[in-house]
Amino acid sequence: MHGVHASLVTPFTSGDRLDVKSLERLARHCLDNGAAGLVALGTTGEAALLTTAEQRTVLEVCRAVSIEYGTPLTVGAGTMGTADTIAQARERAPLADALLVVVPYYLRPSDQGVLDHFAAVGAAVDVPLLPYNIPYRTGKHLAPDTLLRLLAMDCVAGIKHCPGGIDHDTLTLLAARTGKAVLCGDDAYLHPMMALGASGGITASACLAPDAYADLARDGCADLHGALLPLVDALFAEPAPAVLKACLADLGVIDSPAVRAPLHAPRPESVARAHAALRALPGRRARRSCAWNATAMRHPV
């Protein structure tokens, strides 16, 4: 688990149906432009708003593209309960190279309860787990020692770490050098976290500028980090993935910007701000991110 893995949006038609052709085109766009892998059914993919049949279709499409490119597919899973999480993990594991399993949310269990939760899920499936630590969404903060105990589990290949900043817990986690992947999940902090030892990131912004994020992960250029920051700020100025989908639709990577309720279409000024930030990226990155049709010509849908 190295480099940037693109956290895919789930495209819908204007009639609110799953848009399979746009999803396949988006997946190819990311991999053609340098993403190290794909992440399906994450928060960016509006996974909780999909039917079971739609979730299955998303996985089948992303699995087929990942096999063609020889790249890993990480699949989101997990609810607030252990039994439901195991059921979901078992259903999705056959099409996944790893499962991104969110820390149980809302209930705020003890740290030991979280450790027991991941041990139970890991025992139920035969693919590695990536615990998804995002306390500002789950309401559950894990102590640094608990994070290290999670990484020490045989069933755990790494962790997606989204603390909302580079706090002391993050410094402790990265300084431990456990030998397992720490993946940045906050797009704005990819460069500084990799400078401190993170192995890569799972980023939604990579859907729009996969080549720039691949370059950032490979070269660690502070100037490129600075150029990407306004894009990240613009894409997350409203609840994700509304602005991101609007930009992707404007560029023709997906056909429609539609999101599902309770998400809402973004304000035009937010989308315009994101486009301006994308155009401002250094040289070829902006051109390649906008040249989706060349990708489509190489890989017709």
Protein backbone atom coordinates (compact mmCIF):
# COMPACT_ATOMS: atom_id res chain seq x y z
CA MET A 1 0.00 0.00 0.00
CA HIS A 2 2.15 2.79 -1.36
CA GLY A 3 1.47 5.86 -3.46
CA VAL A 4 -1.88 7.52 -4.01
CA HIS A 5 -5.04 5.45 -4.19
CA ALA A 6 -7.97 7.32 -5.73
CA SER A 7 -11.13 7.31 -3.63
CA LEU A 8 -13.76 7.07 -6.35
CA VAL A 9 -17.03 8.93 -6.54
CA THR A 10 -20.05 6.88 -7.60
CA PRO A 11 -21.54 8.50 -10.72
CA PHE A 12 -25.30 8.64 -11.16
CA THR A 13 -27.38 9.47 -14.20
CA SER A 14 -29.61 12.53 -14.20
CA GLY A 15 -32.41 10.06 -13.39
CA ASP A 16 -30.58 8.91 -10.22
CA ARG A 17 -29.51 5.53 -11.56
CA LEU A 18 -26.01 4.12 -11.19
CA ASP A 19 -23.93 5.20 -14.20
CA VAL A 20 -21.71 2.20 -14.94
CA LYS A 21 -20.04 3.67 -18.02
CA SER A 22 -19.02 6.82 -16.18
CA LEU A 23 -17.68 4.77 -13.27
CA GLU A 24 -15.53 2.68 -15.59
CA ARG A 25 -14.30 5.80 -17.39
CA LEU A 26 -13.40 7.44 -14.07
CA ALA A 27 -11.51 4.37 -12.86
CA ARG A 28 -9.49 4.24 -16.08
CA HIS A 29 -8.85 7.98 -15.92
CA CYS A 30 -7.30 7.60 -12.47
CA LEU A 31 -5.13 4.60 -13.33
CA ASP A 32 -4.05 5.93 -16.73
CA ASN A 33 -2.80 9.05 -15.01
CA GLY A 34 -0.73 7.46 -12.28
CA ALA A 35 -2.94 6.39 -9.37
CA ALA A 36 -1.47 3.38 -7.58
CA GLY A 37 -4.87 1.82 -6.95
CA LEU A 38 -8.58 2.41 -6.57
CA VAL A 39 -10.82 2.70 -3.51
CA ALA A 40 -14.51 1.90 -3.98
CA LEU A 41 -17.48 2.29 -1.65
CA GLY A 42 -15.85 4.85 0.58
CA THR A 43 -17.39 8.03 1.93
CA THR A 44 -16.56 9.78 -1.35
CA GLY A 45 -18.46 7.02 -3.15
CA GLU A 46 -21.68 7.73 -1.21
CA ALA A 47 -21.63 4.05 -0.26
CA ALA A 48 -24.24 4.43 2.48
CA LEU A 49 -26.68 5.85 -0.08
CA LEU A 50 -26.41 2.92 -2.51
CA THR A 51 -28.65 -0.12 -2.64
CA THR A 52 -27.10 -3.54 -2.10
CA ALA A 53 -27.40 -4.25 -5.82
CA GLU A 54 -25.70 -0.96 -6.69
CA GLN A 55 -22.88 -1.66 -4.26
CA ARG A 56 -22.30 -5.02 -5.92
CA THR A 57 -22.24 -3.47 -9.38
CA VAL A 58 -19.73 -0.82 -8.28
CA LEU A 59 -17.45 -3.55 -6.96
CA GLU A 60 -17.73 -5.64 -10.12
CA VAL A 61 -16.86 -2.68 -12.35
CA CYS A 62 -13.91 -1.58 -10.21
CA ARG A 63 -12.65 -5.15 -9.83
CA ALA A 64 -12.63 -5.67 -13.61
CA VAL A 65 -10.69 -2.44 -14.23
CA SER A 66 -8.23 -3.21 -11.40
CA ILE A 67 -7.52 -6.67 -12.81
CA GLU A 68 -6.91 -5.20 -16.27
CA TYR A 69 -4.39 -2.70 -14.90
CA GLY A 70 -2.85 -5.02 -12.32
CA THR A 71 -3.52 -2.57 -9.50
CA PRO A 72 -5.08 -3.14 -6.07
CA LEU A 73 -8.72 -2.50 -5.22
CA THR A 74 -9.50 -1.40 -1.70
CA VAL A 75 -13.15 -1.62 -0.70
CA GLY A 76 -14.90 0.30 2.04
CA ALA A 77 -16.83 -1.62 4.69
CA GLY A 78 -18.08 -1.29 8.22
CA THR A 79 -20.94 -0.04 10.32
CA MET A 80 -21.28 0.80 14.01
CA GLY A 81 -21.94 -2.84 14.97
CA THR A 82 -19.51 -5.76 14.82
CA ALA A 83 -21.99 -8.36 13.54
CA ASP A 84 -23.20 -6.11 10.71
CA THR A 85 -19.62 -5.18 9.84
CA ILE A 86 -18.64 -8.85 9.60
CA ALA A 87 -21.60 -9.56 7.33
CA GLN A 88 -20.69 -6.63 5.08
CA ALA A 89 -17.00 -7.57 5.06
CA ARG A 90 -17.78 -11.15 4.07
CA GLU A 91 -19.97 -9.97 1.22
CA ARG A 92 -17.37 -7.57 -0.18
CA ALA A 93 -14.13 -9.43 0.52
CA PRO A 94 -14.25 -11.73 -2.54
CA LEU A 95 -13.89 -8.72 -4.85
CA ALA A 96 -11.36 -6.82 -2.71
CA ASP A 97 -7.60 -6.85 -2.22
CA ALA A 98 -8.08 -5.07 1.11
CA LEU A 99 -11.03 -3.86 3.15
CA LEU A 100 -11.10 -0.29 4.44
CA VAL A 101 -13.02 -0.77 7.69
CA VAL A 102 -14.13 2.32 9.54
CA VAL A 103 -13.70 2.57 13.31
CA PRO A 104 -17.16 1.94 14.85
CA TYR A 105 -18.92 5.27 14.90
CA TYR A 106 -21.52 7.07 17.04
CA LEU A 107 -21.53 4.51 19.88
CA ARG A 108 -18.01 5.53 20.97
CA PRO A 109 -16.94 2.13 22.34
CA SER A 110 -13.85 1.74 24.51
CA ASP A 111 -10.46 1.36 22.85
CA GLN A 112 -10.47 -2.31 23.81
CA GLY A 113 -13.89 -2.64 22.22
CA VAL A 114 -12.46 -1.23 18.98
CA LEU A 115 -9.54 -3.67 19.10
CA ASP A 116 -11.93 -6.58 19.68
CA HIS A 117 -14.07 -5.33 16.79
CA PHE A 118 -11.19 -5.41 14.31
CA ALA A 119 -9.95 -8.76 15.58
CA ALA A 120 -13.41 -10.24 14.97
CA VAL A 121 -13.68 -8.78 11.48
CA GLY A 122 -10.18 -9.92 10.60
CA ALA A 123 -10.95 -13.47 11.72
CA ALA A 124 -14.03 -13.54 9.48
CA VAL A 125 -12.40 -12.70 6.13
CA ASP A 126 -9.28 -13.71 4.24
CA VAL A 127 -8.20 -10.30 2.95
CA PRO A 128 -6.20 -7.75 4.96
CA LEU A 129 -7.86 -4.88 6.77
CA LEU A 130 -7.11 -1.17 6.72
CA PRO A 131 -8.70 0.40 9.80
CA TYR A 132 -10.11 3.80 8.90
CA ASN A 133 -9.37 6.20 11.76
CA ILE A 134 -11.34 9.40 11.29
CA PRO A 135 -12.38 10.69 14.72
CA TYR A 136 -13.99 13.91 13.50
CA ARG A 137 -16.58 11.76 11.70
CA THR A 138 -16.87 8.74 14.00
CA GLY A 139 -16.80 10.58 17.32
CA LYS A 140 -14.26 8.04 18.59
CA HIS A 141 -10.69 9.07 19.37
CA LEU A 142 -8.13 6.26 19.63
CA ALA A 143 -5.04 6.66 21.81
CA PRO A 144 -1.66 6.33 20.05
CA ASP A 145 -1.00 3.06 21.85
CA THR A 146 -4.29 1.70 20.52
CA LEU A 147 -3.37 2.70 16.97
CA LEU A 148 -0.08 0.83 17.33
CA ARG A 149 -1.86 -2.21 18.75
CA LEU A 150 -4.17 -2.15 15.74
CA LEU A 151 -1.20 -2.11 13.38
CA ALA A 152 0.35 -5.01 15.26
CA MET A 153 -2.57 -7.30 14.39
CA ASP A 154 -1.79 -9.96 11.80
CA CYS A 155 -5.03 -9.18 9.95
CA VAL A 156 -4.15 -5.51 9.55
CA ALA A 157 -2.00 -4.37 6.60
CA GLY A 158 -2.00 -0.68 7.44
CA ILE A 159 -4.21 2.19 8.50
CA LYS A 160 -5.96 5.12 6.85
CA HIS A 161 -5.30 7.95 9.26
CA CYS A 162 -7.44 11.10 9.11
CA PRO A 163 -6.97 13.12 12.29
CA GLY A 164 -7.79 16.44 10.62
CA GLY A 165 -4.26 17.71 11.17
CA ILE A 166 -0.78 16.58 12.14
CA ASP A 167 -1.20 16.23 15.88
CA HIS A 168 1.01 14.54 18.46
CA ASP A 169 -0.83 11.23 17.97
CA THR A 170 0.10 11.34 14.29
CA LEU A 171 3.73 12.09 15.09
CA THR A 172 3.81 9.14 17.51
CA LEU A 173 2.20 6.81 14.98
CA LEU A 174 4.60 7.73 12.19
CA ALA A 175 7.67 7.72 14.42
CA ALA A 176 6.97 4.13 15.49
CA ARG A 177 8.05 2.80 12.07
CA THR A 178 5.97 -0.36 12.45
CA GLY A 179 6.69 -1.57 8.94
CA LYS A 180 3.01 -1.37 8.03
CA ALA A 181 1.42 1.22 5.81
CA VAL A 182 0.16 4.49 7.21
CA LEU A 183 -1.97 6.12 4.53
CA CYS A 184 -2.97 9.76 4.78
CA GLY A 185 -6.69 10.24 4.33
CA ASP A 186 -6.81 14.04 4.59
CA ASP A 187 -5.93 15.28 1.10
CA ALA A 188 -4.36 18.51 2.32
CA TYR A 189 -1.85 16.68 4.54
CA LEU A 190 -0.52 14.11 2.07
CA HIS A 191 2.84 15.80 1.51
CA PRO A 192 3.73 16.56 5.15
CA MET A 193 2.59 13.13 6.32
CA MET A 194 4.68 11.41 3.66
CA ALA A 195 7.64 13.56 4.66
CA LEU A 196 7.18 12.17 8.18
CA GLY A 197 7.02 8.56 6.99
CA ALA A 198 3.54 7.83 5.65
CA SER A 199 3.65 5.42 2.71
CA GLY A 200 0.98 7.14 0.64
CA GLY A 201 -2.59 8.29 0.75
CA ILE A 202 -6.21 7.58 -0.07
CA THR A 203 -7.44 10.80 -1.62
CA ALA A 204 -10.65 11.96 -3.27
CA SER A 205 -8.93 14.85 -5.03
CA ALA A 206 -6.91 12.32 -7.02
CA CYS A 207 -10.06 11.61 -9.05
CA LEU A 208 -9.68 15.08 -10.56
CA ALA A 209 -5.88 15.41 -10.72
CA PRO A 210 -4.47 11.87 -10.49
CA ASP A 211 -1.22 12.71 -12.27
CA ALA A 212 -0.45 15.60 -9.93
CA TYR A 213 -1.05 13.43 -6.87
CA ALA A 214 1.04 10.62 -8.32
CA ASP A 215 3.86 13.11 -8.86
CA LEU A 216 3.45 14.46 -5.33
CA ALA A 217 3.64 10.98 -3.81
CA ARG A 218 6.66 10.06 -5.91
CA ASP A 219 8.70 13.26 -5.77
CA GLY A 220 7.58 14.95 -2.55
CA CYS A 221 7.71 18.40 -4.13
CA ALA A 222 6.75 21.13 -1.68
CA ASP A 223 5.91 23.48 -4.55
CA LEU A 224 3.42 20.99 -5.96
CA HIS A 225 1.92 20.53 -2.49
CA GLY A 226 1.43 24.29 -2.36
CA ALA A 227 -0.17 24.32 -5.80
CA LEU A 228 -2.58 21.53 -4.88
CA LEU A 229 -3.72 23.05 -1.60
CA PRO A 230 -6.12 25.57 -3.21
CA LEU A 231 -7.67 22.71 -5.19
CA VAL A 232 -8.26 20.69 -2.03
CA ASP A 233 -9.71 23.72 -0.25
CA ALA A 234 -12.11 24.30 -3.14
CA LEU A 235 -13.20 20.67 -3.48
CA PHE A 236 -14.03 20.47 0.23
CA ALA A 237 -15.58 23.91 0.56
CA GLU A 238 -18.95 22.14 0.57
CA PRO A 239 -19.89 18.65 1.74
CA ALA A 240 -18.05 16.13 -0.45
CA PRO A 241 -18.29 14.89 -3.10
CA ALA A 242 -20.61 17.56 -4.54
CA VAL A 243 -17.95 19.96 -5.86
CA LEU A 244 -15.73 17.09 -7.03
CA LYS A 245 -18.57 15.50 -9.00
CA ALA A 246 -19.48 18.81 -10.59
CA CYS A 247 -15.89 19.32 -11.76
CA LEU A 248 -15.61 15.79 -13.10
CA ALA A 249 -18.87 16.24 -14.99
CA ASP A 250 -17.76 19.58 -16.43
CA LEU A 251 -14.60 17.90 -17.75
CA GLY A 252 -16.54 14.96 -19.18
CA VAL A 253 -14.95 12.33 -16.97
CA ILE A 254 -18.44 11.47 -15.69
CA ASP A 255 -21.71 12.36 -17.36
CA SER A 256 -23.65 13.92 -14.49
CA PRO A 257 -22.77 15.78 -11.28
CA ALA A 258 -25.74 14.26 -9.43
CA VAL A 259 -25.43 13.44 -5.72
CA ARG A 260 -28.00 11.74 -3.53
CA ALA A 261 -29.96 13.31 -0.70
CA PRO A 262 -29.24 14.56 1.85
CA LEU A 263 -26.24 15.78 -0.16
CA HIS A 264 -26.98 18.83 -2.28
CA ALA A 265 -25.72 20.29 -5.54
CA PRO A 266 -22.88 22.77 -4.91
CA ARG A 267 -22.97 26.49 -5.48
CA PRO A 268 -21.63 27.55 -8.91
CA GLU A 269 -18.99 29.75 -7.29
CA SER A 270 -17.54 26.75 -5.42
CA VAL A 271 -17.22 24.80 -8.65
CA ALA A 272 -15.68 27.78 -10.45
CA ARG A 273 -13.14 28.13 -7.65
CA ALA A 274 -12.14 24.46 -8.03
CA HIS A 275 -11.76 24.80 -11.79
CA ALA A 276 -9.56 27.85 -11.35
CA ALA A 277 -7.35 25.94 -8.91
CA LEU A 278 -7.11 23.02 -11.33
CA ARG A 279 -6.12 25.29 -14.21
CA ALA A 280 -3.45 26.87 -12.02
CA LEU A 281 -1.62 23.57 -11.49
CA PRO A 282 1.86 23.55 -13.03
CA GLY A 283 2.04 22.92 -16.77
CA ARG A 284 1.18 19.50 -18.04
CA ARG A 285 -0.75 18.43 -14.93
CA ALA A 286 -3.67 20.71 -15.65
CA ARG A 287 -3.64 19.73 -19.32
CA ARG A 288 -3.50 15.99 -18.60
CA SER A 289 -6.25 16.16 -16.01
CA CYS A 290 -8.48 17.87 -18.56
CA ALA A 291 -7.53 15.52 -21.41
CA TRP A 292 -9.95 12.79 -20.39
CA ASN A 293 -10.98 12.19 -24.00
CA ALA A 294 -7.52 10.95 -24.89
CA THR A 295 -7.91 8.31 -22.19
CA ALA A 296 -11.34 7.41 -23.52
CA MET A 297 -9.90 6.98 -27.00
CA ARG A 298 -7.29 4.53 -25.72
CA HIS A 299 -9.81 2.60 -23.67
CA PRO A 300 -13.27 2.92 -25.22
CA VAL A 301 -16.15 2.05 -22.95
